[in-house]
Amino acid sequence: MTDAPLPAPRPFGALLLTVFAWSVLVLVTALATPATGGTLGLALGLLLGFGGAGTLAARALPPPADLRIGLVGFAPRLLPALALLLPAVLLVSELDNQVAERLFAGAQPAATDAKLGPLDTLEWVLFGVLLRPVLEEFFFHGVVQQGVVAALGPVRGVLFTAVLFALVRTSLFTSDAYHATSFGLQAFALGALLGYVRLASGSILAGALLLAAIEGAGVLSHELRDALPIPGFNAPGAHTPAAWLLPAAVSVAAGLYGLARLARTRS
């Protein structure tokens, strides 16, 4: 009788793998950006760093590797639950307002940022909506999460993966204590949600679709801020009104309930 293979990557291995992928990303981005521009350089870094490191790690997994990392389809009945989770973008954004008010008095939330130009918007759609969700879900909730969940259990494994997800995202897009705290909390909450989607659906494609929709909703709301202003989200305001947050919370709760039912049918 042969012993079952140990889960991989285990937590420390997942940390080292993430540090390696992040280092490649930073190096490639720094080298490519002067010639290609910021967003394209970052896209190349993400592709070679997290895409490359994730692929190498996935190839080392025992079969069936595609099932282990969730590189499979998901049941169509999951789509309504994913749609109900989309208003999480409002709830996650409100974390920024809470951090600005409670921890960094006088900080300016992201909702008041200047409007992006057409080229900037196109670059961010190609990178943030199309490329990054696929690579992040493949690496974090495909390769990394399956190993740490096997080692730590579902709850601790999802939270550990969410921490790694938040650290990487925060390191790339923050430059001061306020933005690091705010963006870190938002990324952790988003990472935990995506980790649960991966557990419930068995597929990284479901999480990639949800993350792309959330990022797309953020870009769209930024572009429609004049036609559909939401205080504290895409327009100035200390907080997003309860008239927006409460329906969003109910929708997300219903989506999580739908995911839980789906998870029970899969177990």
C-alpha atoms as a PDB file:
ATOM      1  CA  MET A   1       0.000   0.000   0.000  1.00  0.00           C
ATOM      2  CA  THR A   2       1.451   3.362  -1.028  1.00  0.00           C
ATOM      3  CA  ASP A   3       1.020   6.523   0.980  1.00  0.00           C
ATOM      4  CA  ALA A   4      -1.165   9.242  -0.509  1.00  0.00           C
ATOM      5  CA  PRO A   5       0.854  12.198  -1.854  1.00  0.00           C
ATOM      6  CA  LEU A   6       1.119  15.182   0.443  1.00  0.00           C
ATOM      7  CA  PRO A   7      -0.935  18.208  -0.609  1.00  0.00           C
ATOM      8  CA  ALA A   8       1.078  20.690  -2.599  1.00  0.00           C
ATOM      9  CA  PRO A   9       1.783  23.452  -2.232  1.00  0.00           C
ATOM     10  CA  ARG A  10       1.614  23.362   1.554  1.00  0.00           C
ATOM     11  CA  PRO A  11       1.297  26.756   3.312  1.00  0.00           C
ATOM     12  CA  PHE A  12       5.010  27.552   3.450  1.00  0.00           C
ATOM     13  CA  GLY A  13       5.480  26.327  -0.101  1.00  0.00           C
ATOM     14  CA  ALA A  14       2.519  28.466  -1.196  1.00  0.00           C
ATOM     15  CA  LEU A  15       4.172  31.492   0.415  1.00  0.00           C
ATOM     16  CA  LEU A  16       7.468  30.810  -1.347  1.00  0.00           C
ATOM     17  CA  LEU A  17       5.709  30.217  -4.662  1.00  0.00           C
ATOM     18  CA  THR A  18       3.826  33.513  -4.295  1.00  0.00           C
ATOM     19  CA  VAL A  19       7.023  35.402  -3.425  1.00  0.00           C
ATOM     20  CA  PHE A  20       8.752  33.891  -6.460  1.00  0.00           C
ATOM     21  CA  ALA A  21       5.856  34.784  -8.795  1.00  0.00           C
ATOM     22  CA  TRP A  22       5.693  38.302  -7.332  1.00  0.00           C
ATOM     23  CA  SER A  23       9.452  38.778  -7.777  1.00  0.00           C
ATOM     24  CA  VAL A  24       9.248  37.767 -11.443  1.00  0.00           C
ATOM     25  CA  LEU A  25       6.286  40.109 -11.917  1.00  0.00           C
ATOM     26  CA  VAL A  26       8.146  43.068 -10.393  1.00  0.00           C
ATOM     27  CA  LEU A  27      11.332  42.375 -12.361  1.00  0.00           C
ATOM     28  CA  VAL A  28       9.573  41.941 -15.704  1.00  0.00           C
ATOM     29  CA  THR A  29       7.358  44.982 -15.099  1.00  0.00           C
ATOM     30  CA  ALA A  30      10.364  47.147 -14.258  1.00  0.00           C
ATOM     31  CA  LEU A  31      12.263  46.005 -17.353  1.00  0.00           C
ATOM     32  CA  ALA A  32       9.313  46.148 -19.757  1.00  0.00           C
ATOM     33  CA  THR A  33       7.589  49.341 -18.640  1.00  0.00           C
ATOM     34  CA  PRO A  34      10.049  51.880 -20.152  1.00  0.00           C
ATOM     35  CA  ALA A  35       9.503  50.342 -23.587  1.00  0.00           C
ATOM     36  CA  THR A  36       5.876  49.229 -23.415  1.00  0.00           C
ATOM     37  CA  GLY A  37       4.174  51.526 -20.909  1.00  0.00           C
ATOM     38  CA  GLY A  38       2.911  50.891 -17.400  1.00  0.00           C
ATOM     39  CA  THR A  39      -0.156  48.740 -17.994  1.00  0.00           C
ATOM     40  CA  LEU A  40       1.381  46.576 -20.709  1.00  0.00           C
ATOM     41  CA  GLY A  41       4.529  46.101 -18.658  1.00  0.00           C
ATOM     42  CA  LEU A  42       2.415  45.033 -15.705  1.00  0.00           C
ATOM     43  CA  ALA A  43       0.445  42.640 -17.914  1.00  0.00           C
ATOM     44  CA  LEU A  44       3.656  41.005 -19.161  1.00  0.00           C
ATOM     45  CA  GLY A  45       4.923  40.735 -15.602  1.00  0.00           C
ATOM     46  CA  LEU A  46       1.691  39.144 -14.411  1.00  0.00           C
ATOM     47  CA  LEU A  47       1.675  36.700 -17.315  1.00  0.00           C
ATOM     48  CA  LEU A  48       5.269  35.566 -16.808  1.00  0.00           C
ATOM     49  CA  GLY A  49       5.223  35.774 -13.013  1.00  0.00           C
ATOM     50  CA  PHE A  50       1.938  34.301 -11.866  1.00  0.00           C
ATOM     51  CA  GLY A  51       1.043  32.584 -15.117  1.00  0.00           C
ATOM     52  CA  GLY A  52       4.487  31.010 -15.447  1.00  0.00           C
ATOM     53  CA  ALA A  53       4.940  30.067 -11.793  1.00  0.00           C
ATOM     54  CA  GLY A  54       1.397  28.705 -11.607  1.00  0.00           C
ATOM     55  CA  THR A  55       1.912  26.579 -14.720  1.00  0.00           C
ATOM     56  CA  LEU A  56       5.155  25.096 -13.394  1.00  0.00           C
ATOM     57  CA  ALA A  57       3.531  24.303 -10.046  1.00  0.00           C
ATOM     58  CA  ALA A  58       0.452  22.796 -11.703  1.00  0.00           C
ATOM     59  CA  ARG A  59       2.581  20.494 -13.861  1.00  0.00           C
ATOM     60  CA  ALA A  60       4.173  19.094 -10.696  1.00  0.00           C
ATOM     61  CA  LEU A  61       0.821  18.102  -9.174  1.00  0.00           C
ATOM     62  CA  PRO A  62      -0.200  14.431  -9.190  1.00  0.00           C
ATOM     63  CA  PRO A  63      -3.025  13.555 -11.575  1.00  0.00           C
ATOM     64  CA  PRO A  64      -5.712  14.573 -12.151  1.00  0.00           C
ATOM     65  CA  ALA A  65      -4.071  18.004 -12.027  1.00  0.00           C
ATOM     66  CA  ASP A  66      -6.869  19.712 -13.945  1.00  0.00           C
ATOM     67  CA  LEU A  67      -9.436  18.635 -11.340  1.00  0.00           C
ATOM     68  CA  ARG A  68      -7.152  19.573  -8.466  1.00  0.00           C
ATOM     69  CA  ILE A  69      -6.777  23.165  -9.671  1.00  0.00           C
ATOM     70  CA  GLY A  70     -10.393  23.483 -10.788  1.00  0.00           C
ATOM     71  CA  LEU A  71      -9.669  23.766 -14.494  1.00  0.00           C
ATOM     72  CA  VAL A  72     -13.123  22.402 -15.285  1.00  0.00           C
ATOM     73  CA  GLY A  73     -16.493  23.827 -16.200  1.00  0.00           C
ATOM     74  CA  PHE A  74     -19.223  24.642 -13.703  1.00  0.00           C
ATOM     75  CA  ALA A  75     -22.928  23.952 -13.549  1.00  0.00           C
ATOM     76  CA  PRO A  76     -25.078  26.552 -15.374  1.00  0.00           C
ATOM     77  CA  ARG A  77     -27.345  26.723 -12.315  1.00  0.00           C
ATOM     78  CA  LEU A  78     -24.474  28.523 -10.589  1.00  0.00           C
ATOM     79  CA  LEU A  79     -24.894  31.598 -12.802  1.00  0.00           C
ATOM     80  CA  PRO A  80     -27.800  33.158 -10.828  1.00  0.00           C
ATOM     81  CA  ALA A  81     -25.783  32.882  -7.613  1.00  0.00           C
ATOM     82  CA  LEU A  82     -22.784  34.530  -9.283  1.00  0.00           C
ATOM     83  CA  ALA A  83     -25.008  37.337 -10.560  1.00  0.00           C
ATOM     84  CA  LEU A  84     -26.333  37.894  -7.042  1.00  0.00           C
ATOM     85  CA  LEU A  85     -22.759  38.234  -5.769  1.00  0.00           C
ATOM     86  CA  LEU A  86     -21.929  41.052  -8.173  1.00  0.00           C
ATOM     87  CA  PRO A  87     -23.188  43.838  -5.815  1.00  0.00           C
ATOM     88  CA  ALA A  88     -20.303  42.842  -3.537  1.00  0.00           C
ATOM     89  CA  VAL A  89     -18.442  45.562  -5.433  1.00  0.00           C
ATOM     90  CA  LEU A  90     -20.481  48.138  -3.470  1.00  0.00           C
ATOM     91  CA  LEU A  91     -19.853  46.453  -0.124  1.00  0.00           C
ATOM     92  CA  VAL A  92     -16.132  46.085  -0.739  1.00  0.00           C
ATOM     93  CA  SER A  93     -15.925  49.725  -1.841  1.00  0.00           C
ATOM     94  CA  GLU A  94     -17.556  50.827   1.414  1.00  0.00           C
ATOM     95  CA  LEU A  95     -14.560  49.395   3.266  1.00  0.00           C
ATOM     96  CA  ASP A  96     -12.541  52.219   1.750  1.00  0.00           C
ATOM     97  CA  ASN A  97     -14.938  54.767   3.223  1.00  0.00           C
ATOM     98  CA  GLN A  98     -14.781  53.111   6.637  1.00  0.00           C
ATOM     99  CA  VAL A  99     -10.980  53.075   6.651  1.00  0.00           C
ATOM    100  CA  ALA A 100     -10.828  56.718   5.541  1.00  0.00           C
ATOM    101  CA  GLU A 101     -13.188  57.799   8.327  1.00  0.00           C
ATOM    102  CA  ARG A 102     -12.086  55.601  11.217  1.00  0.00           C
ATOM    103  CA  LEU A 103      -8.350  55.161  10.693  1.00  0.00           C
ATOM    104  CA  PHE A 104      -7.171  57.989   8.411  1.00  0.00           C
ATOM    105  CA  ALA A 105      -9.200  61.106   9.105  1.00  0.00           C
ATOM    106  CA  GLY A 106      -9.162  63.453   6.139  1.00  0.00           C
ATOM    107  CA  ALA A 107      -8.096  60.821   3.606  1.00  0.00           C
ATOM    108  CA  GLN A 108      -9.710  61.102   0.190  1.00  0.00           C
ATOM    109  CA  PRO A 109     -11.561  57.927  -0.869  1.00  0.00           C
ATOM    110  CA  ALA A 110     -11.029  56.587  -4.366  1.00  0.00           C
ATOM    111  CA  ALA A 111     -14.532  57.623  -5.443  1.00  0.00           C
ATOM    112  CA  THR A 112     -13.284  61.171  -6.043  1.00  0.00           C
ATOM    113  CA  ASP A 113     -10.439  60.178  -8.375  1.00  0.00           C
ATOM    114  CA  ALA A 114     -10.261  61.920 -11.756  1.00  0.00           C
ATOM    115  CA  LYS A 115     -12.050  60.352 -14.692  1.00  0.00           C
ATOM    116  CA  LEU A 116      -9.936  58.099 -16.901  1.00  0.00           C
ATOM    117  CA  GLY A 117      -9.261  58.921 -20.529  1.00  0.00           C
ATOM    118  CA  PRO A 118     -10.435  56.596 -23.332  1.00  0.00           C
ATOM    119  CA  LEU A 119      -6.999  54.979 -23.814  1.00  0.00           C
ATOM    120  CA  ASP A 120      -6.525  54.486 -20.077  1.00  0.00           C
ATOM    121  CA  THR A 121      -9.972  52.902 -19.852  1.00  0.00           C
ATOM    122  CA  LEU A 122      -9.238  50.541 -22.740  1.00  0.00           C
ATOM    123  CA  GLU A 123      -5.916  49.502 -21.219  1.00  0.00           C
ATOM    124  CA  TRP A 124      -7.549  48.844 -17.859  1.00  0.00           C
ATOM    125  CA  VAL A 125     -10.342  46.788 -19.432  1.00  0.00           C
ATOM    126  CA  LEU A 126      -7.843  44.627 -21.317  1.00  0.00           C
ATOM    127  CA  PHE A 127      -5.670  44.178 -18.239  1.00  0.00           C
ATOM    128  CA  GLY A 128      -7.996  44.377 -15.261  1.00  0.00           C
ATOM    129  CA  VAL A 129     -11.148  42.821 -16.709  1.00  0.00           C
ATOM    130  CA  LEU A 130      -9.829  40.277 -19.211  1.00  0.00           C
ATOM    131  CA  LEU A 131      -6.287  39.214 -18.264  1.00  0.00           C
ATOM    132  CA  ARG A 132      -5.807  39.649 -14.530  1.00  0.00           C
ATOM    133  CA  PRO A 133      -8.920  37.745 -13.326  1.00  0.00           C
ATOM    134  CA  VAL A 134      -7.910  34.655 -15.322  1.00  0.00           C
ATOM    135  CA  LEU A 135      -4.297  34.623 -14.116  1.00  0.00           C
ATOM    136  CA  GLU A 136      -5.131  35.477 -10.503  1.00  0.00           C
ATOM    137  CA  GLU A 137      -7.806  32.799 -10.254  1.00  0.00           C
ATOM    138  CA  PHE A 138      -5.548  30.226 -11.887  1.00  0.00           C
ATOM    139  CA  PHE A 139      -2.672  30.961  -9.515  1.00  0.00           C
ATOM    140  CA  PHE A 140      -4.361  31.758  -6.201  1.00  0.00           C
ATOM    141  CA  HIS A 141      -7.621  29.828  -6.187  1.00  0.00           C
ATOM    142  CA  GLY A 142      -6.481  27.090  -8.522  1.00  0.00           C
ATOM    143  CA  VAL A 143      -2.879  26.139  -7.802  1.00  0.00           C
ATOM    144  CA  VAL A 144      -2.381  27.622  -4.323  1.00  0.00           C
ATOM    145  CA  GLN A 145      -5.767  27.107  -2.692  1.00  0.00           C
ATOM    146  CA  GLN A 146      -6.129  23.405  -3.469  1.00  0.00           C
ATOM    147  CA  GLY A 147      -2.866  22.719  -1.630  1.00  0.00           C
ATOM    148  CA  VAL A 148      -3.427  24.872   1.446  1.00  0.00           C
ATOM    149  CA  VAL A 149      -7.067  23.749   1.801  1.00  0.00           C
ATOM    150  CA  ALA A 150      -5.883  20.122   1.813  1.00  0.00           C
ATOM    151  CA  ALA A 151      -3.315  21.012   4.492  1.00  0.00           C
ATOM    152  CA  LEU A 152      -5.287  23.465   6.654  1.00  0.00           C
ATOM    153  CA  GLY A 153      -8.954  22.717   5.959  1.00  0.00           C
ATOM    154  CA  PRO A 154     -11.519  24.751   3.995  1.00  0.00           C
ATOM    155  CA  VAL A 155     -11.875  27.809   6.232  1.00  0.00           C
ATOM    156  CA  ARG A 156      -8.239  28.356   7.126  1.00  0.00           C
ATOM    157  CA  GLY A 157      -7.141  27.413   3.618  1.00  0.00           C
ATOM    158  CA  VAL A 158      -9.425  29.986   1.996  1.00  0.00           C
ATOM    159  CA  LEU A 159      -8.369  32.679   4.477  1.00  0.00           C
ATOM    160  CA  PHE A 160      -4.666  31.891   4.033  1.00  0.00           C
ATOM    161  CA  THR A 161      -5.049  32.148   0.262  1.00  0.00           C
ATOM    162  CA  ALA A 162      -6.992  35.415   0.666  1.00  0.00           C
ATOM    163  CA  VAL A 163      -4.091  36.858   2.674  1.00  0.00           C
ATOM    164  CA  LEU A 164      -1.619  36.013  -0.099  1.00  0.00           C
ATOM    165  CA  PHE A 165      -4.022  37.432  -2.692  1.00  0.00           C
ATOM    166  CA  ALA A 166      -4.382  40.666  -0.686  1.00  0.00           C
ATOM    167  CA  LEU A 167      -0.641  41.069  -0.097  1.00  0.00           C
ATOM    168  CA  VAL A 168       0.155  40.781  -3.795  1.00  0.00           C
ATOM    169  CA  ARG A 169      -2.610  43.140  -4.901  1.00  0.00           C
ATOM    170  CA  THR A 170      -1.724  45.665  -2.210  1.00  0.00           C
ATOM    171  CA  SER A 171       1.976  45.638  -3.100  1.00  0.00           C
ATOM    172  CA  LEU A 172       1.215  46.532  -6.717  1.00  0.00           C
ATOM    173  CA  PHE A 173      -1.262  49.374  -6.384  1.00  0.00           C
ATOM    174  CA  THR A 174      -0.531  51.251  -3.153  1.00  0.00           C
ATOM    175  CA  SER A 175       2.013  53.871  -2.163  1.00  0.00           C
ATOM    176  CA  ASP A 176       1.041  55.000   1.354  1.00  0.00           C
ATOM    177  CA  ALA A 177      -0.382  53.662   4.607  1.00  0.00           C
ATOM    178  CA  TYR A 178      -3.974  54.696   3.905  1.00  0.00           C
ATOM    179  CA  HIS A 179      -4.177  53.056   0.497  1.00  0.00           C
ATOM    180  CA  ALA A 180      -2.285  49.979   1.714  1.00  0.00           C
ATOM    181  CA  THR A 181      -4.757  49.473   4.560  1.00  0.00           C
ATOM    182  CA  SER A 182      -7.843  50.209   2.496  1.00  0.00           C
ATOM    183  CA  PHE A 183      -6.814  48.245  -0.569  1.00  0.00           C
ATOM    184  CA  GLY A 184      -5.532  45.385   1.572  1.00  0.00           C
ATOM    185  CA  LEU A 185      -8.867  44.968   3.366  1.00  0.00           C
ATOM    186  CA  GLN A 186     -10.799  45.195   0.119  1.00  0.00           C
ATOM    187  CA  ALA A 187      -8.541  42.633  -1.575  1.00  0.00           C
ATOM    188  CA  PHE A 188      -8.771  40.273   1.407  1.00  0.00           C
ATOM    189  CA  ALA A 189     -12.572  40.410   1.404  1.00  0.00           C
ATOM    190  CA  LEU A 190     -12.649  39.850  -2.343  1.00  0.00           C
ATOM    191  CA  GLY A 191     -10.126  37.014  -2.096  1.00  0.00           C
ATOM    192  CA  ALA A 192     -12.165  35.256   0.587  1.00  0.00           C
ATOM    193  CA  LEU A 193     -15.319  35.553  -1.521  1.00  0.00           C
ATOM    194  CA  LEU A 194     -13.559  34.159  -4.593  1.00  0.00           C
ATOM    195  CA  GLY A 195     -12.057  31.369  -2.520  1.00  0.00           C
ATOM    196  CA  TYR A 196     -15.507  30.324  -1.376  1.00  0.00           C
ATOM    197  CA  VAL A 197     -16.775  30.425  -4.953  1.00  0.00           C
ATOM    198  CA  ARG A 198     -13.935  28.054  -5.880  1.00  0.00           C
ATOM    199  CA  LEU A 199     -14.833  25.666  -3.073  1.00  0.00           C
ATOM    200  CA  ALA A 200     -18.549  25.664  -3.823  1.00  0.00           C
ATOM    201  CA  SER A 201     -18.279  25.392  -7.592  1.00  0.00           C
ATOM    202  CA  GLY A 202     -15.177  23.229  -7.923  1.00  0.00           C
ATOM    203  CA  SER A 203     -14.081  25.500 -10.780  1.00  0.00           C
ATOM    204  CA  ILE A 204     -11.711  28.433 -11.121  1.00  0.00           C
ATOM    205  CA  LEU A 205     -13.714  29.516 -14.162  1.00  0.00           C
ATOM    206  CA  ALA A 206     -16.625  30.569 -11.943  1.00  0.00           C
ATOM    207  CA  GLY A 207     -14.346  32.780  -9.854  1.00  0.00           C
ATOM    208  CA  ALA A 208     -12.652  34.227 -12.931  1.00  0.00           C
ATOM    209  CA  LEU A 209     -16.053  35.109 -14.387  1.00  0.00           C
ATOM    210  CA  LEU A 210     -17.165  36.752 -11.132  1.00  0.00           C
ATOM    211  CA  LEU A 211     -13.906  38.679 -10.716  1.00  0.00           C
ATOM    212  CA  ALA A 212     -14.058  39.890 -14.329  1.00  0.00           C
ATOM    213  CA  ALA A 213     -17.645  41.039 -13.764  1.00  0.00           C
ATOM    214  CA  ILE A 214     -16.707  42.847 -10.547  1.00  0.00           C
ATOM    215  CA  GLU A 215     -13.744  44.584 -12.191  1.00  0.00           C
ATOM    216  CA  GLY A 216     -15.914  45.426 -15.200  1.00  0.00           C
ATOM    217  CA  ALA A 217     -18.598  46.863 -12.941  1.00  0.00           C
ATOM    218  CA  GLY A 218     -15.979  49.051 -11.313  1.00  0.00           C
ATOM    219  CA  VAL A 219     -14.765  50.395 -14.651  1.00  0.00           C
ATOM    220  CA  LEU A 220     -18.326  50.917 -15.917  1.00  0.00           C
ATOM    221  CA  SER A 221     -19.413  52.753 -12.780  1.00  0.00           C
ATOM    222  CA  HIS A 222     -16.375  55.002 -13.072  1.00  0.00           C
ATOM    223  CA  GLU A 223     -17.297  55.886 -16.631  1.00  0.00           C
ATOM    224  CA  LEU A 224     -20.992  56.439 -15.748  1.00  0.00           C
ATOM    225  CA  ARG A 225     -20.346  58.522 -12.654  1.00  0.00           C
ATOM    226  CA  ASP A 226     -22.080  61.557 -14.193  1.00  0.00           C
ATOM    227  CA  ALA A 227     -25.142  59.629 -15.383  1.00  0.00           C
ATOM    228  CA  LEU A 228     -25.444  57.344 -12.328  1.00  0.00           C
ATOM    229  CA  PRO A 229     -23.608  58.867  -9.365  1.00  0.00           C
ATOM    230  CA  ILE A 230     -23.486  56.744  -6.204  1.00  0.00           C
ATOM    231  CA  PRO A 231     -22.079  58.686  -3.235  1.00  0.00           C
ATOM    232  CA  GLY A 232     -19.095  57.031  -1.636  1.00  0.00           C
ATOM    233  CA  PHE A 233     -18.692  54.667  -4.590  1.00  0.00           C
ATOM    234  CA  ASN A 234     -18.209  56.488  -7.875  1.00  0.00           C
ATOM    235  CA  ALA A 235     -19.091  59.982  -6.644  1.00  0.00           C
ATOM    236  CA  PRO A 236     -17.990  62.118  -3.694  1.00  0.00           C
ATOM    237  CA  GLY A 237     -19.466  61.185  -0.347  1.00  0.00           C
ATOM    238  CA  ALA A 238     -18.337  59.984   3.055  1.00  0.00           C
ATOM    239  CA  HIS A 239     -20.344  56.761   2.746  1.00  0.00           C
ATOM    240  CA  THR A 240     -22.525  54.919   0.282  1.00  0.00           C
ATOM    241  CA  PRO A 241     -26.189  55.362   1.347  1.00  0.00           C
ATOM    242  CA  ALA A 242     -27.997  52.469   3.011  1.00  0.00           C
ATOM    243  CA  ALA A 243     -30.484  52.535   0.132  1.00  0.00           C
ATOM    244  CA  TRP A 244     -27.667  51.058  -1.980  1.00  0.00           C
ATOM    245  CA  LEU A 245     -25.831  49.009   0.639  1.00  0.00           C
ATOM    246  CA  LEU A 246     -28.781  47.116   2.114  1.00  0.00           C
ATOM    247  CA  PRO A 247     -30.057  45.683  -1.207  1.00  0.00           C
ATOM    248  CA  ALA A 248     -26.448  44.847  -2.083  1.00  0.00           C
ATOM    249  CA  ALA A 249     -26.022  42.979   1.202  1.00  0.00           C
ATOM    250  CA  VAL A 250     -29.272  41.060   0.683  1.00  0.00           C
ATOM    251  CA  SER A 251     -28.219  40.139  -2.852  1.00  0.00           C
ATOM    252  CA  VAL A 252     -24.802  38.899  -1.750  1.00  0.00           C
ATOM    253  CA  ALA A 253     -26.334  36.909   1.115  1.00  0.00           C
ATOM    254  CA  ALA A 254     -28.728  35.265  -1.349  1.00  0.00           C
ATOM    255  CA  GLY A 255     -25.815  34.473  -3.658  1.00  0.00           C
ATOM    256  CA  LEU A 256     -23.853  32.893  -0.816  1.00  0.00           C
ATOM    257  CA  TYR A 257     -26.890  30.818   0.127  1.00  0.00           C
ATOM    258  CA  GLY A 258     -27.173  29.632  -3.463  1.00  0.00           C
ATOM    259  CA  LEU A 259     -23.491  28.692  -3.461  1.00  0.00           C
ATOM    260  CA  ALA A 260     -23.902  26.789  -0.185  1.00  0.00           C
ATOM    261  CA  ARG A 261     -26.782  24.772  -1.652  1.00  0.00           C
ATOM    262  CA  LEU A 262     -24.709  23.977  -4.713  1.00  0.00           C
ATOM    263  CA  ALA A 263     -21.792  22.913  -2.537  1.00  0.00           C
ATOM    264  CA  ARG A 264     -24.024  20.486  -0.628  1.00  0.00           C
ATOM    265  CA  THR A 265     -25.169  18.869  -3.865  1.00  0.00           C
ATOM    266  CA  ARG A 266     -21.538  18.405  -4.937  1.00  0.00           C
ATOM    267  CA  SER A 267     -20.419  16.814  -1.661  1.00  0.00           C
END
